[in-house]
Amino acid sequence: MENKRMKIGLTYPSEKTDKPIVTNLVKFGLTFNILRAYISPGKTGTIILEISGTDKNIKQSLDYLESESIEVKIYSDSVIRYEEKCMHCGACTSVCPSGALVMNRMT
């Protein structure tokens, strides 16, 4: 079976931030990379993960996360832009390998 890769965002309710939920994804045969995490005890937390596994294993892991009251968002785009943090400096345009990102200084 071929492994599939995808990015997902998880939102933890405050009562779950001290539980080892993400580490349990290994039990479903997934590998994962934490791309971004904001977790504090007693507060709502967020994690963005890149996961890899078979379709069956990914489905089982997503079902598990939802059974733990973790909100799951599947990202279909390979680029995640945080508009609230963007300073519109244009640095991303200089490293874009395809030239798809450009700055419009007129706006």
Protein backbone atom coordinates (compact mmCIF):
# COMPACT_ATOMS: atom_id res chain seq x y z
CA MET A 1 0.00 0.00 0.00
CA GLU A 2 1.17 3.48 -0.86
CA ASN A 3 1.65 6.06 1.85
CA LYS A 4 -0.21 9.34 1.58
CA ARG A 5 1.02 12.65 3.04
CA MET A 6 -1.18 15.46 4.23
CA LYS A 7 -1.23 18.46 6.53
CA ILE A 8 -3.79 18.72 9.29
CA GLY A 9 -4.58 21.29 11.94
CA LEU A 10 -5.71 20.19 15.39
CA THR A 11 -7.53 22.32 17.93
CA TYR A 12 -7.43 20.99 21.48
CA PRO A 13 -10.03 21.89 24.10
CA SER A 14 -8.41 23.22 27.27
CA GLU A 15 -9.05 20.01 29.22
CA LYS A 16 -7.09 17.91 26.69
CA THR A 17 -3.85 19.92 26.40
CA ASP A 18 -2.09 17.86 29.07
CA LYS A 19 -2.90 14.50 27.41
CA PRO A 20 -0.44 12.65 25.09
CA ILE A 21 -2.92 12.49 22.21
CA VAL A 22 -0.59 13.18 19.26
CA THR A 23 1.90 10.52 20.36
CA ASN A 24 -0.90 7.95 20.06
CA LEU A 25 -0.93 8.49 16.28
CA VAL A 26 2.08 6.16 16.11
CA LYS A 27 -0.22 3.33 17.23
CA PHE A 28 -2.12 3.82 13.96
CA GLY A 29 1.03 3.35 11.88
CA LEU A 30 1.45 7.03 11.09
CA THR A 31 4.58 9.08 11.00
CA PHE A 32 4.18 12.76 11.73
CA ASN A 33 6.09 15.99 11.85
CA ILE A 34 4.94 18.84 14.09
CA LEU A 35 5.13 21.98 11.96
CA ARG A 36 3.69 24.41 14.50
CA ALA A 37 2.28 24.09 18.02
CA TYR A 38 0.74 26.40 20.59
CA ILE A 39 -0.05 24.38 23.70
CA SER A 40 -0.46 25.73 27.24
CA PRO A 41 -2.04 23.86 30.14
CA GLY A 42 -5.64 24.91 30.73
CA LYS A 43 -5.94 26.83 27.44
CA THR A 44 -7.18 25.90 23.98
CA GLY A 45 -4.23 24.58 21.96
CA THR A 46 -3.43 24.23 18.26
CA ILE A 47 -1.03 22.01 16.37
CA ILE A 48 -0.29 21.75 12.67
CA LEU A 49 1.05 18.35 11.63
CA GLU A 50 2.26 16.75 8.44
CA ILE A 51 1.19 13.11 8.63
CA SER A 52 2.07 10.13 6.48
CA GLY A 53 0.43 6.72 6.31
CA THR A 54 -1.98 4.55 4.38
CA ASP A 55 -5.51 5.80 3.69
CA LYS A 56 -6.86 3.28 6.20
CA ASN A 57 -4.42 4.34 8.94
CA ILE A 58 -5.07 8.03 8.32
CA LYS A 59 -8.84 7.49 8.55
CA GLN A 60 -8.46 5.52 11.79
CA SER A 61 -6.25 8.22 13.29
CA LEU A 62 -8.65 11.02 12.30
CA ASP A 63 -11.53 9.05 13.82
CA TYR A 64 -9.46 8.65 17.00
CA LEU A 65 -8.72 12.37 17.19
CA GLU A 66 -12.38 13.25 16.77
CA SER A 67 -13.34 10.70 19.45
CA GLU A 68 -11.00 12.62 21.79
CA SER A 69 -12.90 15.87 21.03
CA ILE A 70 -10.02 17.23 18.96
CA GLU A 71 -11.19 19.45 16.10
CA VAL A 72 -9.44 18.39 12.88
CA LYS A 73 -8.94 20.57 9.80
CA ILE A 74 -7.43 19.02 6.68
CA TYR A 75 -5.32 21.43 4.65
CA SER A 76 -5.53 20.91 0.91
CA ASP A 77 -2.94 23.56 0.05
CA SER A 78 0.75 22.89 0.47
CA VAL A 79 1.36 26.48 1.58
CA ILE A 80 -0.20 27.72 4.79
CA ARG A 81 -0.24 31.49 5.10
CA TYR A 82 -0.77 33.17 8.45
CA GLU A 83 -2.26 36.48 7.32
CA GLU A 84 -2.32 37.86 10.87
CA LYS A 85 1.46 37.43 11.12
CA CYS A 86 2.41 38.52 7.59
CA MET A 87 4.36 41.80 7.50
CA HIS A 88 4.17 41.97 3.68
CA CYS A 89 7.97 42.17 3.55
CA GLY A 90 8.30 40.12 0.36
CA ALA A 91 10.95 37.74 1.75
CA CYS A 92 8.87 34.73 0.67
CA THR A 93 8.96 35.90 -2.96
CA SER A 94 12.76 35.62 -3.05
CA VAL A 95 12.72 31.93 -2.09
CA CYS A 96 9.71 30.78 -4.13
CA PRO A 97 11.17 28.14 -6.50
CA SER A 98 8.48 28.56 -9.17
CA GLY A 99 8.15 32.35 -9.05
CA ALA A 100 4.45 31.98 -8.19
CA LEU A 101 4.71 34.44 -5.30
CA VAL A 102 5.16 38.09 -6.24
CA MET A 103 4.90 41.39 -4.38
CA ASN A 104 2.53 44.09 -5.58
CA ARG A 105 3.90 47.28 -4.03
CA MET A 106 1.03 49.30 -5.56
CA THR A 107 -1.55 48.04 -3.01
